[in-house]
N, C-alpha and C. Protein backbone atom coordinates (compact mmCIF):
# COMPACT_ATOMS: atom_id res chain seq x y z
N MET A 1 80.25 89.38 24.91
CA MET A 1 80.93 90.61 25.20
C MET A 1 81.65 91.08 23.94
N VAL A 2 81.61 92.36 23.71
CA VAL A 2 82.28 92.96 22.57
C VAL A 2 83.35 93.89 23.10
N ALA A 3 84.52 93.86 22.52
CA ALA A 3 85.59 94.75 22.94
C ALA A 3 86.22 95.40 21.72
N ARG A 4 86.59 96.65 21.88
CA ARG A 4 87.35 97.33 20.84
C ARG A 4 88.73 97.58 21.40
N THR A 5 89.73 97.07 20.72
CA THR A 5 91.10 97.22 21.17
C THR A 5 91.86 97.97 20.09
N GLY A 6 93.13 98.19 20.31
CA GLY A 6 93.95 98.83 19.29
C GLY A 6 94.03 98.01 18.03
N ARG A 7 93.74 96.72 18.12
CA ARG A 7 93.79 95.83 16.96
C ARG A 7 92.46 95.75 16.25
N GLY A 8 91.42 96.40 16.75
CA GLY A 8 90.10 96.30 16.15
C GLY A 8 89.15 95.60 17.09
N SER A 9 87.93 95.40 16.64
CA SER A 9 86.91 94.79 17.49
C SER A 9 87.08 93.28 17.56
N MET A 10 86.57 92.73 18.66
CA MET A 10 86.54 91.29 18.82
C MET A 10 85.33 90.91 19.65
N ILE A 11 84.93 89.67 19.52
CA ILE A 11 83.83 89.13 20.30
C ILE A 11 84.38 88.01 21.17
N ASP A 12 83.98 88.02 22.43
CA ASP A 12 84.32 86.94 23.35
C ASP A 12 83.12 86.01 23.38
N ALA A 13 83.20 84.92 22.62
CA ALA A 13 82.09 83.96 22.53
C ALA A 13 82.25 82.91 23.62
N ARG A 14 81.14 82.55 24.24
CA ARG A 14 81.11 81.50 25.26
C ARG A 14 80.23 80.37 24.75
N VAL A 15 80.75 79.14 24.75
CA VAL A 15 80.03 77.99 24.23
C VAL A 15 79.86 76.96 25.35
N GLU A 16 78.65 76.44 25.47
CA GLU A 16 78.35 75.41 26.47
C GLU A 16 77.86 74.15 25.78
N PHE A 17 78.16 73.01 26.39
CA PHE A 17 77.66 71.72 25.93
C PHE A 17 76.86 71.08 27.05
N PHE A 18 75.77 70.39 26.68
CA PHE A 18 74.93 69.71 27.65
C PHE A 18 74.74 68.27 27.22
N ASP A 19 74.64 67.37 28.20
CA ASP A 19 74.38 65.97 27.87
C ASP A 19 72.88 65.75 27.73
N SER A 20 72.48 64.51 27.55
CA SER A 20 71.06 64.20 27.30
C SER A 20 70.17 64.51 28.50
N ASP A 21 70.77 64.64 29.69
CA ASP A 21 70.00 65.01 30.88
C ASP A 21 70.02 66.51 31.15
N ARG A 22 70.57 67.28 30.21
CA ARG A 22 70.70 68.74 30.30
C ARG A 22 71.70 69.18 31.36
N ASP A 23 72.64 68.28 31.72
CA ASP A 23 73.73 68.64 32.62
C ASP A 23 74.88 69.17 31.78
N GLU A 24 75.56 70.20 32.28
CA GLU A 24 76.71 70.73 31.55
C GLU A 24 77.79 69.67 31.46
N THR A 25 78.49 69.65 30.33
CA THR A 25 79.54 68.66 30.12
C THR A 25 80.63 69.26 29.25
N LYS A 26 81.78 68.63 29.24
CA LYS A 26 82.86 69.02 28.33
C LYS A 26 82.75 68.18 27.08
N ALA A 27 83.37 68.64 26.01
CA ALA A 27 83.29 67.94 24.73
C ALA A 27 84.70 67.64 24.22
N VAL A 28 84.81 66.62 23.37
CA VAL A 28 86.10 66.25 22.80
C VAL A 28 85.95 66.29 21.28
N GLY A 29 86.68 67.20 20.64
CA GLY A 29 86.61 67.35 19.19
C GLY A 29 87.08 68.73 18.76
N GLN A 30 86.57 69.20 17.64
CA GLN A 30 86.96 70.49 17.05
C GLN A 30 85.77 71.45 17.10
N LEU A 31 85.97 72.61 17.73
CA LEU A 31 84.93 73.64 17.85
C LEU A 31 85.33 74.84 17.00
N THR A 32 84.43 75.29 16.15
CA THR A 32 84.68 76.47 15.32
C THR A 32 83.50 77.43 15.48
N VAL A 33 83.82 78.72 15.68
CA VAL A 33 82.80 79.75 15.76
C VAL A 33 83.08 80.77 14.65
N VAL A 34 82.05 81.02 13.83
CA VAL A 34 82.14 81.99 12.74
C VAL A 34 81.22 83.15 13.06
N VAL A 35 81.69 84.37 12.82
CA VAL A 35 80.88 85.57 13.00
C VAL A 35 80.53 86.11 11.63
N ARG A 36 79.24 86.37 11.39
CA ARG A 36 78.76 86.89 10.11
C ARG A 36 78.04 88.21 10.31
N PHE A 37 78.25 89.12 9.37
CA PHE A 37 77.57 90.41 9.34
C PHE A 37 77.08 90.61 7.91
N ASP A 38 75.78 90.82 7.74
CA ASP A 38 75.18 90.93 6.41
C ASP A 38 75.59 89.74 5.53
N SER A 39 75.55 88.54 6.09
CA SER A 39 75.87 87.27 5.42
C SER A 39 77.34 87.10 5.06
N ASN A 40 78.19 88.06 5.41
CA ASN A 40 79.63 87.96 5.12
C ASN A 40 80.38 87.52 6.37
N GLU A 41 81.32 86.61 6.21
CA GLU A 41 82.14 86.18 7.33
C GLU A 41 83.10 87.30 7.70
N ILE A 42 83.06 87.73 8.98
CA ILE A 42 83.95 88.80 9.44
C ILE A 42 84.86 88.33 10.58
N GLY A 43 84.72 87.07 10.99
CA GLY A 43 85.58 86.53 12.03
C GLY A 43 85.42 85.03 12.13
N ARG A 44 86.49 84.37 12.55
CA ARG A 44 86.47 82.90 12.70
C ARG A 44 87.55 82.53 13.71
N GLN A 45 87.19 81.59 14.58
CA GLN A 45 88.15 81.06 15.54
C GLN A 45 87.84 79.59 15.77
N SER A 46 88.87 78.78 15.89
CA SER A 46 88.69 77.35 16.14
C SER A 46 89.45 76.95 17.38
N ALA A 47 88.96 75.91 18.03
CA ALA A 47 89.64 75.35 19.21
C ALA A 47 89.64 73.84 19.09
N ASP A 48 90.81 73.26 19.28
CA ASP A 48 90.94 71.81 19.29
C ASP A 48 90.71 71.35 20.72
N LEU A 49 89.59 70.71 20.97
CA LEU A 49 89.21 70.29 22.31
C LEU A 49 89.58 68.84 22.58
N ALA A 50 90.67 68.40 21.99
CA ALA A 50 91.14 67.03 22.20
C ALA A 50 92.23 67.04 23.26
N GLY A 51 92.09 66.20 24.24
CA GLY A 51 93.11 66.07 25.27
C GLY A 51 93.08 67.19 26.29
N VAL A 52 93.90 67.03 27.31
CA VAL A 52 93.94 67.98 28.42
C VAL A 52 94.41 69.36 27.95
N GLY A 53 95.38 69.41 27.06
CA GLY A 53 95.91 70.69 26.59
C GLY A 53 94.88 71.53 25.88
N GLY A 54 94.07 70.90 25.02
CA GLY A 54 93.03 71.63 24.30
C GLY A 54 92.00 72.21 25.23
N HIS A 55 91.60 71.43 26.22
CA HIS A 55 90.62 71.93 27.18
C HIS A 55 91.21 73.05 28.04
N ALA A 56 92.46 72.91 28.43
CA ALA A 56 93.09 73.93 29.27
C ALA A 56 93.15 75.28 28.57
N ARG A 57 93.37 75.27 27.26
CA ARG A 57 93.47 76.53 26.51
C ARG A 57 92.11 77.19 26.31
N ALA A 58 91.06 76.41 26.15
CA ALA A 58 89.76 76.98 25.80
C ALA A 58 88.78 77.05 26.97
N TRP A 59 88.98 76.27 28.02
CA TRP A 59 88.00 76.17 29.11
C TRP A 59 88.18 77.32 30.10
N ASP A 60 87.07 77.98 30.43
CA ASP A 60 87.05 79.02 31.46
C ASP A 60 86.37 78.42 32.68
N SER A 61 87.14 78.14 33.71
CA SER A 61 86.60 77.46 34.89
C SER A 61 85.65 78.33 35.70
N VAL A 62 85.73 79.65 35.57
CA VAL A 62 84.83 80.53 36.30
C VAL A 62 83.41 80.45 35.74
N THR A 63 83.27 80.53 34.42
CA THR A 63 81.94 80.48 33.80
C THR A 63 81.56 79.06 33.38
N GLU A 64 82.52 78.13 33.45
CA GLU A 64 82.33 76.75 33.01
C GLU A 64 81.81 76.69 31.58
N THR A 65 82.47 77.45 30.73
CA THR A 65 82.18 77.49 29.29
C THR A 65 83.50 77.46 28.53
N TYR A 66 83.40 77.17 27.24
CA TYR A 66 84.56 77.34 26.37
C TYR A 66 84.56 78.79 25.91
N SER A 67 85.68 79.46 26.08
CA SER A 67 85.79 80.87 25.75
C SER A 67 86.67 81.04 24.51
N MET A 68 86.15 81.77 23.54
CA MET A 68 86.90 81.99 22.30
C MET A 68 86.90 83.48 21.98
N GLN A 69 88.08 84.08 21.88
CA GLN A 69 88.24 85.47 21.50
C GLN A 69 88.34 85.53 19.98
N ILE A 70 87.35 86.16 19.33
CA ILE A 70 87.28 86.16 17.88
C ILE A 70 87.52 87.56 17.35
N PRO A 71 88.70 87.81 16.75
CA PRO A 71 88.96 89.12 16.15
C PRO A 71 88.10 89.31 14.90
N LEU A 72 87.62 90.53 14.70
CA LEU A 72 86.76 90.83 13.56
C LEU A 72 87.50 91.66 12.52
N SER A 73 87.20 91.41 11.25
CA SER A 73 87.86 92.12 10.17
C SER A 73 87.26 93.51 9.94
N ILE A 74 86.03 93.72 10.40
CA ILE A 74 85.38 95.03 10.30
C ILE A 74 84.64 95.32 11.59
N ASN A 75 84.29 96.58 11.81
CA ASN A 75 83.45 96.97 12.94
C ASN A 75 82.03 97.14 12.43
N PRO A 76 81.12 96.24 12.82
CA PRO A 76 79.72 96.40 12.38
C PRO A 76 79.14 97.73 12.86
N LEU A 77 78.14 98.20 12.17
CA LEU A 77 77.50 99.45 12.53
C LEU A 77 76.73 99.29 13.84
N PRO A 78 76.71 100.31 14.71
CA PRO A 78 75.98 100.23 15.97
C PRO A 78 74.51 99.86 15.74
N GLY A 79 74.01 98.95 16.59
CA GLY A 79 72.61 98.54 16.51
C GLY A 79 72.32 97.47 15.49
N ARG A 80 73.28 97.11 14.66
CA ARG A 80 73.07 96.06 13.65
C ARG A 80 73.24 94.69 14.26
N ILE A 81 72.77 93.67 13.57
CA ILE A 81 72.81 92.29 14.05
C ILE A 81 74.01 91.56 13.44
N VAL A 82 74.77 90.87 14.29
CA VAL A 82 75.79 89.93 13.83
C VAL A 82 75.32 88.54 14.24
N VAL A 83 75.73 87.52 13.51
CA VAL A 83 75.32 86.15 13.78
C VAL A 83 76.56 85.34 14.13
N LEU A 84 76.50 84.65 15.26
CA LEU A 84 77.56 83.73 15.65
C LEU A 84 77.07 82.32 15.34
N GLN A 85 77.88 81.57 14.57
CA GLN A 85 77.54 80.21 14.19
C GLN A 85 78.61 79.28 14.75
N ALA A 86 78.21 78.38 15.64
CA ALA A 86 79.15 77.43 16.23
C ALA A 86 78.94 76.06 15.60
N THR A 87 80.04 75.41 15.27
CA THR A 87 80.01 74.05 14.73
C THR A 87 80.98 73.21 15.55
N PHE A 88 80.52 72.05 15.96
CA PHE A 88 81.37 71.13 16.72
C PHE A 88 81.42 69.79 15.99
N GLU A 89 82.64 69.32 15.75
CA GLU A 89 82.87 68.01 15.12
C GLU A 89 83.50 67.12 16.19
N GLY A 90 82.73 66.17 16.71
CA GLY A 90 83.21 65.29 17.76
C GLY A 90 84.16 64.24 17.24
N VAL A 91 85.01 63.73 18.11
CA VAL A 91 85.95 62.68 17.71
C VAL A 91 85.22 61.39 17.36
N ASP A 92 83.95 61.28 17.78
CA ASP A 92 83.15 60.10 17.46
C ASP A 92 82.38 60.24 16.15
N GLY A 93 82.64 61.35 15.43
CA GLY A 93 81.95 61.58 14.17
C GLY A 93 80.68 62.39 14.29
N SER A 94 80.28 62.72 15.51
CA SER A 94 79.07 63.53 15.70
C SER A 94 79.33 64.96 15.24
N ARG A 95 78.24 65.64 14.87
CA ARG A 95 78.34 67.03 14.42
C ARG A 95 77.18 67.80 15.02
N MET A 96 77.49 68.91 15.66
CA MET A 96 76.46 69.77 16.26
C MET A 96 76.66 71.19 15.77
N THR A 97 75.55 71.88 15.57
CA THR A 97 75.62 73.28 15.17
C THR A 97 74.62 74.09 15.99
N ALA A 98 74.93 75.36 16.16
CA ALA A 98 74.03 76.29 16.84
C ALA A 98 74.37 77.69 16.37
N SER A 99 73.39 78.57 16.39
CA SER A 99 73.67 79.96 16.03
C SER A 99 72.88 80.89 16.94
N ARG A 100 73.37 82.11 17.02
CA ARG A 100 72.71 83.12 17.84
C ARG A 100 72.93 84.48 17.20
N GLU A 101 71.86 85.25 17.15
CA GLU A 101 71.96 86.64 16.69
C GLU A 101 72.30 87.53 17.88
N VAL A 102 73.20 88.49 17.63
CA VAL A 102 73.63 89.42 18.67
C VAL A 102 73.56 90.83 18.10
N ARG A 103 72.91 91.73 18.83
CA ARG A 103 72.84 93.13 18.39
C ARG A 103 74.15 93.82 18.76
N TRP A 104 74.80 94.41 17.76
CA TRP A 104 76.05 95.10 17.99
C TRP A 104 75.76 96.33 18.85
N PRO A 105 76.52 96.53 19.92
CA PRO A 105 76.21 97.63 20.84
C PRO A 105 76.47 99.02 20.26
N GLU A 106 75.77 99.98 20.85
CA GLU A 106 76.00 101.38 20.46
C GLU A 106 77.42 101.80 20.84
N THR A 107 77.87 101.33 22.01
CA THR A 107 79.25 101.59 22.45
C THR A 107 79.79 100.28 22.97
N ALA A 108 81.05 100.02 22.70
CA ALA A 108 81.71 98.79 23.19
C ALA A 108 82.50 99.09 24.44
N ARG A 109 82.73 98.05 25.23
CA ARG A 109 83.51 98.20 26.47
C ARG A 109 84.97 98.17 26.18
């Protein structure tokens, strides 16, 4: 979801984790999502998913995802592609990455 507020645009990123059986699961570690436009970083947000407090701040029980509101430094042009890159550093030393291209809407909600 993309929103334009009085503070500028932001992206509401939703991140899911799955175990080896493809069942949804929670994660313990550091989650960072970077937003890029034309290879330039235009937004970044991190969440510390250690302990109950970290999960409570980032976990959305309705969608069962980690929700991160990422403010953007610029408004991409309508119809252009932005890339969301998620990196997770687990407390056990594991590292996972994923990315997704998102077409910037003609009009934001």
